Structures are given as C-alpha cells and as structure tokens.
Protein backbone atom coordinates (compact mmCIF):
# COMPACT_ATOMS: atom_id res chain seq x y z
CA MET A 1 -16.27 81.09 -41.34
CA GLU A 2 -18.95 80.05 -38.92
CA ALA A 3 -18.76 77.49 -36.13
CA GLY A 4 -22.43 76.57 -36.42
CA SER A 5 -25.58 77.02 -34.36
CA ASP A 6 -25.32 73.70 -32.46
CA PHE A 7 -22.53 74.97 -30.20
CA ILE A 8 -22.49 77.08 -27.05
CA GLU A 9 -18.81 77.98 -27.23
CA SER A 10 -16.21 78.29 -29.97
CA ILE A 11 -12.52 79.15 -29.89
CA TRP A 12 -10.42 79.78 -33.02
CA TYR A 13 -6.65 79.25 -33.00
CA LYS A 14 -4.01 80.19 -35.55
CA ASP A 15 -0.73 78.32 -35.18
CA GLU A 16 -1.86 77.25 -31.68
CA ILE A 17 -2.52 80.84 -30.51
CA GLU A 18 -6.09 81.86 -29.68
CA VAL A 19 -7.31 84.48 -32.15
CA SER A 20 -11.07 84.62 -31.49
CA ASN A 21 -13.86 83.22 -29.36
CA SER A 22 -16.78 84.34 -31.51
CA PHE A 23 -19.04 82.04 -33.52
CA VAL A 24 -18.13 83.84 -36.74
CA PHE A 25 -14.48 84.36 -37.65
CA SER A 26 -12.85 86.06 -40.66
CA VAL A 27 -9.57 84.52 -41.73
CA GLU A 28 -7.10 87.24 -42.71
CA SER A 29 -3.87 85.34 -43.33
CA GLU A 30 -2.42 81.99 -44.29
CA GLY A 31 -1.62 79.41 -41.66
CA ALA A 32 -2.69 76.38 -39.66
CA TYR A 33 -6.02 76.94 -37.90
CA THR A 34 -7.95 74.98 -35.30
CA LEU A 35 -11.58 75.45 -34.31
CA LYS A 36 -12.54 74.06 -30.91
CA THR A 37 -16.26 74.02 -30.13
CA ILE A 38 -18.35 72.82 -27.22
CA ASP A 39 -21.91 71.66 -27.77
CA ARG A 40 -24.82 71.98 -25.32
CA PHE A 41 -23.97 68.56 -23.82
CA GLY A 42 -20.44 69.69 -22.96
CA CYS A 43 -18.82 67.60 -25.72
CA GLU A 44 -15.76 69.11 -27.31
CA HIS A 45 -15.27 69.05 -31.11
CA ILE A 46 -11.98 69.99 -32.77
CA VAL A 47 -11.39 70.69 -36.46
CA GLN A 48 -8.00 71.56 -37.92
CA PHE A 49 -7.52 73.16 -41.33
CA GLU A 50 -4.92 74.97 -43.41
CA VAL A 51 -5.54 78.30 -45.13
CA GLU A 52 -3.52 78.96 -48.26
CA ASP A 53 -3.36 82.19 -50.29
CA LYS A 54 -4.29 81.20 -53.84
CA CYS A 55 -4.74 84.70 -55.15
CA ARG A 56 -1.38 84.34 -56.83
CA SER A 57 -1.09 82.10 -59.86
CA THR A 58 1.53 79.39 -60.06
CA LEU A 59 3.15 77.42 -62.85
CA ARG A 60 5.10 74.20 -62.43
CA TYR A 61 7.72 73.16 -64.97
CA PRO A 62 11.06 71.32 -65.07
CA SER A 63 14.47 72.95 -64.95
CA ALA A 64 16.05 70.48 -67.42
CA VAL A 65 15.15 68.80 -70.72
CA VAL A 66 16.48 65.71 -72.46
CA PRO A 67 15.96 66.07 -76.26
CA ASN A 68 13.49 63.64 -77.85
CA ASP A 69 12.57 62.07 -74.49
CA PRO A 70 8.81 62.58 -74.02
CA ASN A 71 9.17 61.91 -70.28
CA LYS A 72 11.75 64.69 -69.92
CA ALA A 73 10.32 67.42 -72.15
CA PHE A 74 9.62 71.00 -71.09
CA MET A 75 5.99 70.84 -69.91
CA ILE A 76 4.11 73.51 -68.01
CA TYR A 77 1.40 72.70 -65.48
CA PRO A 78 -0.82 75.76 -64.86
CA ASP A 79 -3.10 76.32 -61.90
CA ASN A 80 -6.78 77.29 -62.00
CA LEU A 81 -6.07 81.05 -62.17
CA ILE A 82 -4.35 80.99 -65.56
CA GLU A 83 -6.53 81.89 -68.53
CA TRP A 84 -4.02 81.74 -71.42
CA MET A 85 -0.25 81.49 -71.91
CA GLU A 86 2.55 81.98 -74.42
CA VAL A 87 5.93 80.27 -74.23
CA LEU A 88 9.10 81.63 -75.88
CA ILE A 89 12.44 79.83 -75.75
CA GLN A 90 15.68 81.46 -76.90
CA ASN A 91 19.17 80.12 -77.41
CA ARG A 92 22.28 81.72 -75.91
CA TRP A 93 22.42 84.27 -78.76
CA GLY A 94 18.86 85.44 -78.13
CA GLU A 95 17.40 83.75 -81.21
CA LEU A 96 13.83 82.55 -80.83
CA ILE A 97 13.88 78.77 -81.26
CA TYR A 98 10.42 77.89 -79.91
CA PHE A 99 7.11 79.70 -79.61
CA CYS A 100 3.73 78.35 -78.57
CA GLY A 101 0.42 79.77 -77.42
CA ASP A 102 -2.16 77.92 -75.33
CA GLN A 103 -5.45 79.79 -75.22
CA HIS A 104 -7.22 77.33 -72.88
CA PRO A 105 -4.80 75.71 -70.41
CA GLN A 106 -6.39 73.22 -68.02
CA THR A 107 -5.67 73.03 -64.30
CA GLY A 108 -3.39 70.16 -63.33
CA LYS A 109 -2.84 69.03 -66.92
CA PRO A 110 0.18 69.87 -69.05
CA SER A 111 -0.23 72.86 -71.32
CA THR A 112 -0.38 72.12 -75.03
CA CYS A 113 2.95 74.01 -75.23
CA ILE A 114 5.48 71.19 -74.89
CA TRP A 115 9.07 71.61 -76.09
CA ASP A 116 11.02 68.42 -76.71
CA GLY A 117 14.48 70.01 -76.92
CA THR A 118 14.64 70.04 -80.71
CA ILE A 119 14.53 72.50 -83.60
CA ASN A 120 13.15 71.11 -86.87
CA ASN A 121 13.36 67.58 -85.40
CA ARG A 122 17.09 67.97 -84.62
CA LYS A 123 18.44 67.99 -81.08
CA VAL A 124 19.67 71.35 -79.84
CA ILE A 125 23.17 71.53 -78.38
CA ASN A 126 23.58 70.94 -74.66
CA GLY A 127 23.47 74.11 -72.61
CA SER A 128 21.23 76.74 -71.06
CA TYR A 129 18.19 78.22 -72.78
CA MET A 130 16.16 81.26 -71.74
CA VAL A 131 12.42 80.73 -71.26
CA GLN A 132 9.77 83.44 -71.07
CA ILE A 133 6.23 82.53 -70.15
CA ARG A 134 3.54 85.20 -70.50
CA TYR A 135 0.14 84.40 -69.10
CA GLY A 136 -3.14 86.05 -68.24
CA ILE A 137 -4.91 85.88 -64.90
CA LYS A 138 -8.61 84.93 -65.08
CA GLY A 139 -11.02 87.75 -64.39
CA GLN A 140 -8.30 90.34 -63.75
CA GLY A 141 -7.05 91.31 -67.20
CA GLU A 142 -3.54 91.13 -65.76
CA THR A 143 -0.59 89.75 -67.77
CA VAL A 144 2.35 88.19 -65.95
CA LEU A 145 5.82 87.56 -67.38
CA GLU A 146 7.81 84.77 -65.80
CA LYS A 147 11.42 84.11 -66.83
CA CYS A 148 13.61 81.11 -66.17
CA VAL A 149 16.52 79.16 -67.60
CA ILE A 150 16.34 75.51 -68.54
CA LEU A 151 19.23 73.17 -69.06
CA VAL A 152 19.25 70.89 -72.11
CA MET A 153 21.42 67.81 -71.76
CA ASP A 154 21.69 64.39 -73.35
C-alpha cells in the first residue's frame, strides 16, 4: 500500500500501534489499520481500513430445515473462491438421500443445490442428517470436504 506522493509524512498503525512510518507499507496480517498522513501544508489526513484474510473459502448455510418450506430449505451461499461444489445428504443409517452438483456457483447467490427436506416429494422424519459438501477452490486445483449436521423439524 502506498500513502501517495502528496504527503511529507505518513504513519501506519495496526490496532492503534505504530507499525511503520514509510510511504510504502506491506500488510502482513489481518486487523484494523489506520494511515495518518501530513501534507506539505501541515494538514493531517486519517484513513481507517480493515484487512481481512480471504485466502480461505467460506460457505454459509443453515443448521435446520423445515420440509416443504422454501424459506427454510437447505441452501448454500458460496463465496467468490469456490469454483464448483457437490452436496451429499445422508440419513442416520448412512443412506444417501440427496445428491447435487453445482458446476458454476455464483458469489452471494444460493447454489443450485437446494434440499427441501423431502425424498420423492415426501417429508423426511424429524431428526439429524449428515451433510458433506465437497468443493473446488478457483485457480488452486484444491478440493475441500466440509461436514456438518442439519436438523430437520416440522
């Protein structure tokens, strides 16, 4: 990051502790940063910003499902690092009751893999179901397996 050429002094802070006074600064970790600069007229300028590590992919999904309720279905929201995904749901005996693949998930939108808590249009029994989500990371050729349990209840 660079403070800019219009300034005669720059001070970088991380979590309110001074970490550099150079015009160019390399951020090495997450946190709350502040850049304080002084221009040639002696005016002070302050910019605050947050640095977040987004090298790790994230999925958002619910922990419970209400069968046949489209507002309470199992929906996965991928981030921008996810290239493809597969969703497997098993009952308590390990039987596969749902499988779906989404080859082009979109950031911030629900995946096309949406489970409504049914098998062959019939509600599953209330209880816990094992979910496995396999997905690929863009540009890395890496496959990640994420496991969770969802609760189905009427």
